[in-house]
């Protein structure tokens, strides 16, 4: 049956300027051996229909101008049209900030660009990023549970780039059974560790959602300033355990780092970076650092994660658990 929904509009200026195409829209896939309608999209290399594979979640990019040709990437990341029988498979994934969609080559974890020279790392600013009003994305264009599990174990890293000790609490839900949409829930606690170090937690493979609570364990000095003695690696004054930020994440596979920064109570902050091109999850900051008045360390619990994720990443939650 036809895929029924609105369109994806490209946010890549070079792509729009070079082709005059504004997005992903409905188009009959005339060369397909069926009467279904599929999406089409304008890329640097031309206009293509997205023809889903039978396994679910991946698709071929079939040329509108030459329907017997599909977009293919070689081992070096070069791009050319080739007979569809041996052409590349692709899938959609969110960018790290959850507000746009990328087109990912399933073979080497690279994404399309607006320049046409070759594929690029999906974390690069050169990757084509498309706006979307689809909520949820059609199942034909989202990875199956089995495909997500095949991406391997999930990895959440916490790195301390700040002038205080950092600790973290990770609550997560994973669909790690290919035959069921049941969720495995868990919590990982990362104990306080000093600046200049990282800690990694390995979670089960599968479609994943969760929350990362970042906290600072530091001390007061003259009111608002945290005094850290780099020679001894110690803090002076009374201890102070404060929230840095809560981050929500969701996707088919997370492989990224949450980084704490800042040197004072006022200056505490954090950011998320994809630690490798294997990342296929988005992460959004739910709230930031509090004042120096203190926060209950147990404020975010497993029972609040679902509500947090539903409000921060509604598109992704609908997609990965559809």
Foldseek 3Di string as FASTA:
>chain_A
DEDDDAWWFWPAPLQCVQPVDGTKGWDALVPDPDGYIFIWTGALVAIFTFAFDPQWAKTWTAHPVDRQWTWAADPVQAIDIDGPVPGWIWAWFAAQAQFWIFIATPPPLFTGFSPRGGTHQSNDPRTITIGDPDFADDRSRHHAQVVLQVLDWAKEKEAEQAQFWKWKKKWKWFCQDRVDLHTDIDMDTGDTDGHPDMDMDTHHTGWMKIKMWMKTWFADDPHWFTDADPVVRDGDHDIAIWTFFMKIKTFSHAAKYWYWYYGTLVGIYIDIDRPHSSGRMYMHTQDGTDHRPHDDPPPDDNVCRVVSCCVSNVRRVSRRSD
